[in-house]
PDB file of N, CA and C in Angstrom:
ATOM      1  N   UNK A   1       1.676  -1.479  -0.531  1.00  0.00           N
ATOM      2  CA  UNK A   1      -0.273   0.106  -0.479  1.00  0.00           C
ATOM      3  C   UNK A   1       1.051   1.412  -0.295  1.00  0.00           C
ATOM      4  N   UNK A   2       0.534   2.233  -0.156  1.00  0.00           N
ATOM      5  CA  UNK A   2       1.775   3.352  -0.930  1.00  0.00           C
ATOM      6  C   UNK A   2       0.273   4.937   0.261  1.00  0.00           C
ATOM      7  N   UNK A   3       1.275   5.462   0.737  1.00  0.00           N
ATOM      8  CA  UNK A   3       0.399   6.371   1.940  1.00  0.00           C
ATOM      9  C   UNK A   3       0.566   7.714   0.424  1.00  0.00           C
ATOM     10  N   UNK A   4      -0.641   8.454   0.434  1.00  0.00           N
ATOM     11  CA  UNK A   4      -0.524   9.026   0.051  1.00  0.00           C
ATOM     12  C   UNK A   4      -0.251  10.535   0.607  1.00  0.00           C
ATOM     13  N   UNK A   5       0.381  11.601  -0.107  1.00  0.00           N
ATOM     14  CA  UNK A   5       1.166  11.818  -0.173  1.00  0.00           C
ATOM     15  C   UNK A   5       0.209  13.797  -0.669  1.00  0.00           C
ATOM     16  N   UNK A   6       0.372  14.266   0.897  1.00  0.00           N
ATOM     17  CA  UNK A   6      -1.137  15.731   0.490  1.00  0.00           C
ATOM     18  C   UNK A   6       0.714  16.512   0.791  1.00  0.00           C
ATOM     19  N   UNK A   7      -0.055  17.517  -0.188  1.00  0.00           N
ATOM     20  CA  UNK A   7       0.862  18.355  -0.728  1.00  0.00           C
ATOM     21  C   UNK A   7       0.439  20.056  -0.583  1.00  0.00           C
ATOM     22  N   UNK A   8       1.758  19.873   0.147  1.00  0.00           N
ATOM     23  CA  UNK A   8       2.734  21.411   0.923  1.00  0.00           C
ATOM     24  C   UNK A   8       2.388  22.935   0.656  1.00  0.00           C
ATOM     25  N   UNK A   9       2.129  23.715   1.073  1.00  0.00           N
ATOM     26  CA  UNK A   9       2.264  25.264   0.274  1.00  0.00           C
ATOM     27  C   UNK A   9       3.521  25.637   0.417  1.00  0.00           C
ATOM     28  N   UNK A  10       4.369  25.001   1.527  1.00  0.00           N
ATOM     29  CA  UNK A  10       5.937  24.569   1.105  1.00  0.00           C
ATOM     30  C   UNK A  10       6.628  24.762   0.453  1.00  0.00           C
ATOM     31  N   UNK A  11       6.289  24.396  -0.634  1.00  0.00           N
ATOM     32  CA  UNK A  11       7.016  22.668  -1.242  1.00  0.00           C
ATOM     33  C   UNK A  11       7.176  23.561  -2.291  1.00  0.00           C
ATOM     34  N   UNK A  12       8.506  23.655  -2.913  1.00  0.00           N
ATOM     35  CA  UNK A  12       9.630  24.849  -3.919  1.00  0.00           C
ATOM     36  C   UNK A  12       8.312  24.254  -5.503  1.00  0.00           C
ATOM     37  N   UNK A  13       8.590  25.859  -6.156  1.00  0.00           N
ATOM     38  CA  UNK A  13       7.389  26.123  -6.957  1.00  0.00           C
ATOM     39  C   UNK A  13       9.060  25.536  -8.470  1.00  0.00           C
ATOM     40  N   UNK A  14       8.101  25.469  -9.336  1.00  0.00           N
ATOM     41  CA  UNK A  14       9.407  25.050 -10.814  1.00  0.00           C
ATOM     42  C   UNK A  14       9.392  26.028 -11.606  1.00  0.00           C
ATOM     43  N   UNK A  15       9.974  26.326 -12.084  1.00  0.00           N
ATOM     44  CA  UNK A  15       9.430  27.533 -13.439  1.00  0.00           C
ATOM     45  C   UNK A  15       9.461  27.290 -14.262  1.00  0.00           C
ATOM     46  N   UNK A  16       8.567  27.427 -15.292  1.00  0.00           N
ATOM     47  CA  UNK A  16       8.614  27.974 -16.613  1.00  0.00           C
ATOM     48  C   UNK A  16       9.300  28.579 -17.490  1.00  0.00           C
ATOM     49  N   UNK A  17       9.853  27.605 -18.750  1.00  0.00           N
ATOM     50  CA  UNK A  17      10.807  28.304 -19.015  1.00  0.00           C
ATOM     51  C   UNK A  17      10.345  29.848 -20.014  1.00  0.00           C
ATOM     52  N   UNK A  18      11.017  31.038 -19.261  1.00  0.00           N
ATOM     53  CA  UNK A  18      10.254  32.872 -19.448  1.00  0.00           C
ATOM     54  C   UNK A  18      10.445  33.051 -18.213  1.00  0.00           C
ATOM     55  N   UNK A  19       9.972  32.445 -17.421  1.00  0.00           N
ATOM     56  CA  UNK A  19       9.003  32.636 -16.081  1.00  0.00           C
ATOM     57  C   UNK A  19      10.009  33.113 -15.236  1.00  0.00           C
ATOM     58  N   UNK A  20       9.472  34.389 -14.730  1.00  0.00           N
ATOM     59  CA  UNK A  20      10.726  34.841 -13.729  1.00  0.00           C
ATOM     60  C   UNK A  20       9.882  34.717 -12.477  1.00  0.00           C
ATOM     61  N   UNK A  21      10.458  33.869 -10.950  1.00  0.00           N
ATOM     62  CA  UNK A  21      10.401  33.069 -10.529  1.00  0.00           C
ATOM     63  C   UNK A  21      11.295  33.628  -9.402  1.00  0.00           C
ATOM     64  N   UNK A  22      12.317  34.613  -9.558  1.00  0.00           N
ATOM     65  CA  UNK A  22      12.986  34.914  -8.372  1.00  0.00           C
ATOM     66  C   UNK A  22      12.813  35.751  -7.119  1.00  0.00           C
ATOM     67  N   UNK A  23      14.587  35.358  -5.903  1.00  0.00           N
ATOM     68  CA  UNK A  23      13.510  36.118  -5.125  1.00  0.00           C
ATOM     69  C   UNK A  23      14.252  37.434  -4.825  1.00  0.00           C
ATOM     70  N   UNK A  24      13.611  38.165  -3.634  1.00  0.00           N
ATOM     71  CA  UNK A  24      14.498  39.800  -3.478  1.00  0.00           C
ATOM     72  C   UNK A  24      15.125  40.027  -4.580  1.00  0.00           C
ATOM     73  N   UNK A  25      14.936  40.389  -4.194  1.00  0.00           N
ATOM     74  CA  UNK A  25      16.149  41.930  -5.708  1.00  0.00           C
ATOM     75  C   UNK A  25      17.579  42.330  -4.749  1.00  0.00           C
ATOM     76  N   UNK A  26      18.666  41.564  -4.421  1.00  0.00           N
ATOM     77  CA  UNK A  26      19.737  41.586  -4.237  1.00  0.00           C
ATOM     78  C   UNK A  26      20.043  43.740  -3.666  1.00  0.00           C
ATOM     79  N   UNK A  27      19.862  44.055  -2.482  1.00  0.00           N
ATOM     80  CA  UNK A  27      19.491  45.365  -2.939  1.00  0.00           C
ATOM     81  C   UNK A  27      18.203  45.991  -1.676  1.00  0.00           C
ATOM     82  N   UNK A  28      18.090  44.967  -2.566  1.00  0.00           N
ATOM     83  CA  UNK A  28      16.035  45.735  -1.639  1.00  0.00           C
ATOM     84  C   UNK A  28      16.142  45.655  -0.647  1.00  0.00           C
ATOM     85  N   UNK A  29      14.605  46.417   0.431  1.00  0.00           N
ATOM     86  CA  UNK A  29      14.916  46.854   1.301  1.00  0.00           C
ATOM     87  C   UNK A  29      13.208  45.666   1.709  1.00  0.00           C
ATOM     88  N   UNK A  30      13.822  46.451   3.576  1.00  0.00           N
ATOM     89  CA  UNK A  30      12.040  45.962   3.959  1.00  0.00           C
ATOM     90  C   UNK A  30      10.484  46.577   2.723  1.00  0.00           C
ATOM     91  N   UNK A  31      10.873  47.018   2.227  1.00  0.00           N
ATOM     92  CA  UNK A  31       9.964  47.837   1.721  1.00  0.00           C
ATOM     93  C   UNK A  31       8.940  47.825   0.644  1.00  0.00           C
ATOM     94  N   UNK A  32      10.232  47.599  -0.017  1.00  0.00           N
ATOM     95  CA  UNK A  32      10.112  46.243  -1.335  1.00  0.00           C
ATOM     96  C   UNK A  32      10.845  47.570  -2.185  1.00  0.00           C
ATOM     97  N   UNK A  33      11.303  48.995  -1.756  1.00  0.00           N
ATOM     98  CA  UNK A  33      12.096  49.218  -2.762  1.00  0.00           C
ATOM     99  C   UNK A  33      12.887  48.716  -2.932  1.00  0.00           C
ATOM    100  N   UNK A  34      14.248  48.851  -3.855  1.00  0.00           N
ATOM    101  CA  UNK A  34      15.293  48.575  -4.015  1.00  0.00           C
ATOM    102  C   UNK A  34      15.863  49.278  -4.732  1.00  0.00           C
ATOM    103  N   UNK A  35      17.235  49.361  -4.265  1.00  0.00           N
ATOM    104  CA  UNK A  35      19.016  49.398  -4.411  1.00  0.00           C
ATOM    105  C   UNK A  35      20.099  49.957  -4.959  1.00  0.00           C
ATOM    106  N   UNK A  36      20.033  50.337  -6.009  1.00  0.00           N
ATOM    107  CA  UNK A  36      20.498  50.278  -7.232  1.00  0.00           C
ATOM    108  C   UNK A  36      22.258  48.544  -7.448  1.00  0.00           C
ATOM    109  N   UNK A  37      22.695  48.307  -7.453  1.00  0.00           N
ATOM    110  CA  UNK A  37      23.730  47.216  -7.099  1.00  0.00           C
ATOM    111  C   UNK A  37      24.874  47.138  -8.449  1.00  0.00           C
ATOM    112  N   UNK A  38      25.591  47.476  -9.025  1.00  0.00           N
ATOM    113  CA  UNK A  38      26.684  47.182 -10.351  1.00  0.00           C
ATOM    114  C   UNK A  38      26.747  45.856  -9.653  1.00  0.00           C
ATOM    115  N   UNK A  39      27.806  45.478 -11.190  1.00  0.00           N
ATOM    116  CA  UNK A  39      27.811  43.503 -11.128  1.00  0.00           C
ATOM    117  C   UNK A  39      29.790  43.975 -11.177  1.00  0.00           C
ATOM    118  N   UNK A  40      29.931  43.474  -9.223  1.00  0.00           N
ATOM    119  CA  UNK A  40      31.224  43.357  -9.208  1.00  0.00           C
ATOM    120  C   UNK A  40      32.461  43.823 -10.653  1.00  0.00           C
ATOM    121  N   UNK A  41      33.796  45.206 -10.305  1.00  0.00           N
ATOM    122  CA  UNK A  41      34.485  44.786 -10.994  1.00  0.00           C
ATOM    123  C   UNK A  41      34.638  43.827 -11.110  1.00  0.00           C
ATOM    124  N   UNK A  42      35.552  43.449 -11.963  1.00  0.00           N
ATOM    125  CA  UNK A  42      35.752  42.812 -13.314  1.00  0.00           C
ATOM    126  C   UNK A  42      34.909  41.239 -13.472  1.00  0.00           C
ATOM    127  N   UNK A  43      33.624  41.554 -13.198  1.00  0.00           N
ATOM    128  CA  UNK A  43      32.809  40.150 -13.754  1.00  0.00           C
ATOM    129  C   UNK A  43      32.588  40.239 -15.167  1.00  0.00           C
ATOM    130  N   UNK A  44      32.570  38.908 -15.100  1.00  0.00           N
ATOM    131  CA  UNK A  44      32.043  38.897 -17.192  1.00  0.00           C
ATOM    132  C   UNK A  44      31.517  37.914 -17.594  1.00  0.00           C
ATOM    133  N   UNK A  45      30.984  38.183 -18.774  1.00  0.00           N
ATOM    134  CA  UNK A  45      30.140  36.855 -18.789  1.00  0.00           C
ATOM    135  C   UNK A  45      30.207  36.678 -20.765  1.00  0.00           C
ATOM    136  N   UNK A  46      30.924  35.292 -21.525  1.00  0.00           N
ATOM    137  CA  UNK A  46      31.035  35.219 -22.627  1.00  0.00           C
ATOM    138  C   UNK A  46      30.911  34.023 -22.588  1.00  0.00           C
ATOM    139  N   UNK A  47      29.408  33.966 -23.995  1.00  0.00           N
ATOM    140  CA  UNK A  47      29.173  32.607 -24.464  1.00  0.00           C
ATOM    141  C   UNK A  47      29.510  32.276 -25.797  1.00  0.00           C
ATOM    142  N   UNK A  48      29.819  30.481 -25.510  1.00  0.00           N
ATOM    143  CA  UNK A  48      30.948  30.078 -26.120  1.00  0.00           C
ATOM    144  C   UNK A  48      29.860  29.015 -27.454  1.00  0.00           C
ATOM    145  N   UNK A  49      30.817  29.552 -28.934  1.00  0.00           N
ATOM    146  CA  UNK A  49      29.531  29.653 -29.985  1.00  0.00           C
ATOM    147  C   UNK A  49      29.107  28.281 -30.093  1.00  0.00           C
ATOM    148  N   UNK A  50      29.350  27.659 -29.282  1.00  0.00           N
ATOM    149  CA  UNK A  50      28.940  26.282 -29.625  1.00  0.00           C
ATOM    150  C   UNK A  50      27.468  26.581 -28.324  1.00  0.00           C
ATOM    151  N   UNK A  51      27.328  27.486 -27.201  1.00  0.00           N
ATOM    152  CA  UNK A  51      26.024  27.288 -26.178  1.00  0.00           C
ATOM    153  C   UNK A  51      25.357  28.556 -26.874  1.00  0.00           C
ATOM    154  N   UNK A  52      25.214  29.972 -27.712  1.00  0.00           N
ATOM    155  CA  UNK A  52      24.873  30.746 -29.290  1.00  0.00           C
ATOM    156  C   UNK A  52      24.782  29.693 -30.132  1.00  0.00           C
ATOM    157  N   UNK A  53      24.956  28.404 -30.795  1.00  0.00           N
ATOM    158  CA  UNK A  53      24.638  27.735 -31.444  1.00  0.00           C
ATOM    159  C   UNK A  53      23.396  26.736 -30.897  1.00  0.00           C
ATOM    160  N   UNK A  54      22.843  27.346 -29.698  1.00  0.00           N
ATOM    161  CA  UNK A  54      21.134  26.007 -29.437  1.00  0.00           C
ATOM    162  C   UNK A  54      20.195  25.720 -30.825  1.00  0.00           C
ATOM    163  N   UNK A  55      19.954  24.478 -30.369  1.00  0.00           N
ATOM    164  CA  UNK A  55      18.931  23.722 -31.728  1.00  0.00           C
ATOM    165  C   UNK A  55      17.784  24.456 -31.072  1.00  0.00           C
ATOM    166  N   UNK A  56      16.926  25.526 -31.961  1.00  0.00           N
ATOM    167  CA  UNK A  56      15.703  26.156 -32.118  1.00  0.00           C
ATOM    168  C   UNK A  56      14.405  25.043 -30.361  1.00  0.00           C
ATOM    169  N   UNK A  57      14.430  24.194 -30.490  1.00  0.00           N
ATOM    170  CA  UNK A  57      13.485  22.678 -30.310  1.00  0.00           C
ATOM    171  C   UNK A  57      14.214  23.279 -28.251  1.00  0.00           C
ATOM    172  N   UNK A  58      15.355  23.983 -27.758  1.00  0.00           N
ATOM    173  CA  UNK A  58      16.103  23.719 -26.611  1.00  0.00           C
ATOM    174  C   UNK A  58      16.019  25.214 -26.467  1.00  0.00           C
ATOM    175  N   UNK A  59      16.030  26.110 -27.396  1.00  0.00           N
ATOM    176  CA  UNK A  59      16.688  28.121 -27.242  1.00  0.00           C
ATOM    177  C   UNK A  59      15.032  28.167 -26.571  1.00  0.00           C
ATOM    178  N   UNK A  60      13.321  27.445 -25.821  1.00  0.00           N
ATOM    179  CA  UNK A  60      12.513  27.567 -24.989  1.00  0.00           C
ATOM    180  C   UNK A  60      13.000  26.713 -23.427  1.00  0.00           C
ATOM    181  N   UNK A  61      13.893  26.520 -23.461  1.00  0.00           N
ATOM    182  CA  UNK A  61      13.968  26.088 -22.534  1.00  0.00           C
ATOM    183  C   UNK A  61      13.912  24.210 -22.700  1.00  0.00           C
ATOM    184  N   UNK A  62      14.673  23.438 -21.722  1.00  0.00           N
ATOM    185  CA  UNK A  62      14.633  22.170 -21.957  1.00  0.00           C
ATOM    186  C   UNK A  62      13.076  20.946 -22.003  1.00  0.00           C
ATOM    187  N   UNK A  63      13.086  19.608 -22.592  1.00  0.00           N
ATOM    188  CA  UNK A  63      11.748  19.555 -23.887  1.00  0.00           C
ATOM    189  C   UNK A  63      11.219  18.679 -22.304  1.00  0.00           C
ATOM    190  N   UNK A  64       9.541  19.338 -21.859  1.00  0.00           N
ATOM    191  CA  UNK A  64       9.265  18.714 -20.528  1.00  0.00           C
ATOM    192  C   UNK A  64       7.595  18.409 -21.410  1.00  0.00           C
ATOM    193  N   UNK A  65       7.755  17.079 -21.059  1.00  0.00           N
ATOM    194  CA  UNK A  65       6.366  16.160 -21.415  1.00  0.00           C
ATOM    195  C   UNK A  65       5.419  16.372 -19.870  1.00  0.00           C
ATOM    196  N   UNK A  66       4.378  17.912 -20.891  1.00  0.00           N
ATOM    197  CA  UNK A  66       3.598  17.620 -19.378  1.00  0.00           C
ATOM    198  C   UNK A  66       2.683  17.681 -19.662  1.00  0.00           C
ATOM    199  N   UNK A  67       2.163  15.505 -20.298  1.00  0.00           N
ATOM    200  CA  UNK A  67       1.210  15.239 -19.994  1.00  0.00           C
ATOM    201  C   UNK A  67       1.227  14.524 -18.966  1.00  0.00           C
ATOM    202  N   UNK A  68       2.283  13.684 -19.497  1.00  0.00           N
ATOM    203  CA  UNK A  68       3.137  12.578 -19.080  1.00  0.00           C
ATOM    204  C   UNK A  68       3.685  13.365 -16.909  1.00  0.00           C
ATOM    205  N   UNK A  69       3.775  14.496 -16.509  1.00  0.00           N
ATOM    206  CA  UNK A  69       4.660  15.452 -15.570  1.00  0.00           C
ATOM    207  C   UNK A  69       2.341  15.338 -15.059  1.00  0.00           C
ATOM    208  N   UNK A  70       1.239  15.475 -15.764  1.00  0.00           N
ATOM    209  CA  UNK A  70      -0.036  15.734 -14.888  1.00  0.00           C
ATOM    210  C   UNK A  70      -0.446  14.052 -14.438  1.00  0.00           C
ATOM    211  N   UNK A  71      -0.053  13.450 -15.329  1.00  0.00           N
ATOM    212  CA  UNK A  71      -0.421  12.039 -14.952  1.00  0.00           C
ATOM    213  C   UNK A  71       0.805  11.155 -13.681  1.00  0.00           C
ATOM    214  N   UNK A  72       1.958  11.699 -14.403  1.00  0.00           N
ATOM    215  CA  UNK A  72       2.770  11.283 -12.577  1.00  0.00           C
ATOM    216  C   UNK A  72       1.692  11.777 -11.441  1.00  0.00           C
ATOM    217  N   UNK A  73       2.172  12.642 -11.661  1.00  0.00           N
ATOM    218  CA  UNK A  73       0.897  14.046  -9.986  1.00  0.00           C
ATOM    219  C   UNK A  73      -0.193  13.792 -10.130  1.00  0.00           C
ATOM    220  N   UNK A  74      -1.062  13.159 -10.688  1.00  0.00           N
ATOM    221  CA  UNK A  74      -2.034  12.192 -10.737  1.00  0.00           C
ATOM    222  C   UNK A  74      -2.387  11.478 -10.425  1.00  0.00           C
ATOM    223  N   UNK A  75      -1.481  10.584 -10.288  1.00  0.00           N
ATOM    224  CA  UNK A  75      -0.975   9.282  -9.759  1.00  0.00           C
ATOM    225  C   UNK A  75      -0.875   9.164  -8.216  1.00  0.00           C
ATOM    226  N   UNK A  76       0.285  10.193  -8.196  1.00  0.00           N
ATOM    227  CA  UNK A  76       0.890  10.799  -7.045  1.00  0.00           C
ATOM    228  C   UNK A  76      -0.481  10.831  -5.843  1.00  0.00           C
ATOM    229  N   UNK A  77      -1.089  12.090  -7.062  1.00  0.00           N
ATOM    230  CA  UNK A  77      -2.671  12.397  -5.199  1.00  0.00           C
ATOM    231  C   UNK A  77      -2.806  11.396  -4.994  1.00  0.00           C
ATOM    232  N   UNK A  78      -3.750  10.746  -5.867  1.00  0.00           N
ATOM    233  CA  UNK A  78      -4.288   9.577  -5.992  1.00  0.00           C
ATOM    234  C   UNK A  78      -3.420   8.366  -4.886  1.00  0.00           C
ATOM    235  N   UNK A  79      -2.200   8.603  -4.431  1.00  0.00           N
ATOM    236  CA  UNK A  79      -1.590   7.375  -4.360  1.00  0.00           C
ATOM    237  C   UNK A  79      -1.507   5.529  -4.779  1.00  0.00           C
ATOM    238  N   UNK A  80      -1.247   6.207  -6.201  1.00  0.00           N
ATOM    239  CA  UNK A  80      -1.581   4.905  -7.056  1.00  0.00           C
ATOM    240  C   UNK A  80      -0.170   4.861  -7.170  1.00  0.00           C
ATOM    241  N   UNK A  81       0.742   6.084  -7.271  1.00  0.00           N
ATOM    242  CA  UNK A  81       2.020   6.299  -7.720  1.00  0.00           C
ATOM    243  C   UNK A  81       3.306   4.995  -7.036  1.00  0.00           C
ATOM    244  N   UNK A  82       3.561   3.986  -7.513  1.00  0.00           N
ATOM    245  CA  UNK A  82       5.050   3.852  -6.593  1.00  0.00           C
ATOM    246  C   UNK A  82       5.753   3.865  -6.465  1.00  0.00           C
ATOM    247  N   UNK A  83       5.917   3.506  -5.019  1.00  0.00           N
ATOM    248  CA  UNK A  83       7.500   5.041  -4.179  1.00  0.00           C
ATOM    249  C   UNK A  83       8.245   4.127  -3.572  1.00  0.00           C
ATOM    250  N   UNK A  84       9.962   3.310  -3.954  1.00  0.00           N
ATOM    251  CA  UNK A  84       9.985   2.679  -3.356  1.00  0.00           C
ATOM    252  C   UNK A  84      10.744   3.342  -2.446  1.00  0.00           C
ATOM    253  N   UNK A  85      10.441   3.199  -1.352  1.00  0.00           N
ATOM    254  CA  UNK A  85      11.254   4.299  -0.016  1.00  0.00           C
ATOM    255  C   UNK A  85      12.323   3.841   0.051  1.00  0.00           C
ATOM    256  N   UNK A  86      12.637   2.778  -0.137  1.00  0.00           N
ATOM    257  CA  UNK A  86      14.390   2.194   0.803  1.00  0.00           C
ATOM    258  C   UNK A  86      15.454   2.417  -0.958  1.00  0.00           C
ATOM    259  N   UNK A  87      15.029   2.799  -1.477  1.00  0.00           N
ATOM    260  CA  UNK A  87      15.870   3.344  -3.477  1.00  0.00           C
ATOM    261  C   UNK A  87      15.706   4.467  -2.698  1.00  0.00           C
ATOM    262  N   UNK A  88      14.915   5.128  -2.633  1.00  0.00           N
ATOM    263  CA  UNK A  88      15.471   6.648  -2.290  1.00  0.00           C
ATOM    264  C   UNK A  88      16.093   6.817  -1.576  1.00  0.00           C
ATOM    265  N   UNK A  89      15.960   6.082  -0.151  1.00  0.00           N
ATOM    266  CA  UNK A  89      16.646   6.038   0.867  1.00  0.00           C
ATOM    267  C   UNK A  89      17.532   5.965   0.286  1.00  0.00           C
ATOM    268  N   UNK A  90      18.132   5.000  -0.138  1.00  0.00           N
ATOM    269  CA  UNK A  90      19.577   4.541  -0.770  1.00  0.00           C
ATOM    270  C   UNK A  90      20.673   5.876  -2.059  1.00  0.00           C
ATOM    271  N   UNK A  91      19.811   6.036  -2.542  1.00  0.00           N
ATOM    272  CA  UNK A  91      20.276   7.499  -3.042  1.00  0.00           C
ATOM    273  C   UNK A  91      20.730   8.111  -2.376  1.00  0.00           C
ATOM    274  N   UNK A  92      20.124   9.064  -1.280  1.00  0.00           N
ATOM    275  CA  UNK A  92      19.849   9.892  -1.131  1.00  0.00           C
ATOM    276  C   UNK A  92      21.390   9.605  -0.179  1.00  0.00           C
ATOM    277  N   UNK A  93      20.903   8.316   0.572  1.00  0.00           N
ATOM    278  CA  UNK A  93      22.038   7.951   1.603  1.00  0.00           C
ATOM    279  C   UNK A  93      24.322   8.758   0.205  1.00  0.00           C
ATOM    280  N   UNK A  94      24.209   7.340  -1.513  1.00  0.00           N
ATOM    281  CA  UNK A  94      25.277   7.351  -1.057  1.00  0.00           C
ATOM    282  C   UNK A  94      24.950   8.966  -1.607  1.00  0.00           C
ATOM    283  N   UNK A  95      24.481   9.971  -1.377  1.00  0.00           N
ATOM    284  CA  UNK A  95      24.453  11.902  -2.580  1.00  0.00           C
ATOM    285  C   UNK A  95      25.394  11.877  -1.766  1.00  0.00           C
ATOM    286  N   UNK A  96      24.794  11.646   0.016  1.00  0.00           N
ATOM    287  CA  UNK A  96      25.079  12.558   1.137  1.00  0.00           C
ATOM    288  C   UNK A  96      26.232  12.325   1.398  1.00  0.00           C
ATOM    289  N   UNK A  97      27.020  10.585   1.420  1.00  0.00           N
ATOM    290  CA  UNK A  97      28.520  10.689   0.930  1.00  0.00           C
ATOM    291  C   UNK A  97      29.660  11.071   0.509  1.00  0.00           C
ATOM    292  N   UNK A  98      28.491  10.477  -1.164  1.00  0.00           N
ATOM    293  CA  UNK A  98      29.107  12.452  -2.483  1.00  0.00           C
ATOM    294  C   UNK A  98      30.327  13.177  -1.078  1.00  0.00           C
ATOM    295  N   UNK A  99      28.676  13.798  -0.980  1.00  0.00           N
ATOM    296  CA  UNK A  99      28.964  15.439  -0.454  1.00  0.00           C
ATOM    297  C   UNK A  99      30.127  16.235   0.416  1.00  0.00           C
ATOM    298  N   UNK A 100      30.439  14.397   1.537  1.00  0.00           N
ATOM    299  CA  UNK A 100      30.817  14.527   2.296  1.00  0.00           C
ATOM    300  C   UNK A 100      32.714  13.934   2.401  1.00  0.00           C
ATOM    301  N   UNK A 101      32.023  13.684   1.306  1.00  0.00           N
ATOM    302  CA  UNK A 101      33.454  12.712   1.314  1.00  0.00           C
ATOM    303  C   UNK A 101      34.882  14.008   0.533  1.00  0.00           C
TER     304      UNK A 101
END
């Protein structure tokens, strides 16, 4: 039996391509106004020719099949999605060991 997963207001929000979900702007104050903060001296960004010539299908963001995502969300909400807690635990522990070594 799979326990249903409840939705929480504290869960992270997933951004869609082109959507701005950034937190407070650096230099912003409690009342919401922002102070101008320029780039640090010496900072620069340049894209390689390979990065500049992205295929058209990737320019809008990563390819995501929203139909499959919706089906998985529905199955999780209904408690029908198989969750292997042992496999998840093992994977999390392996990642933890990698980070600490």
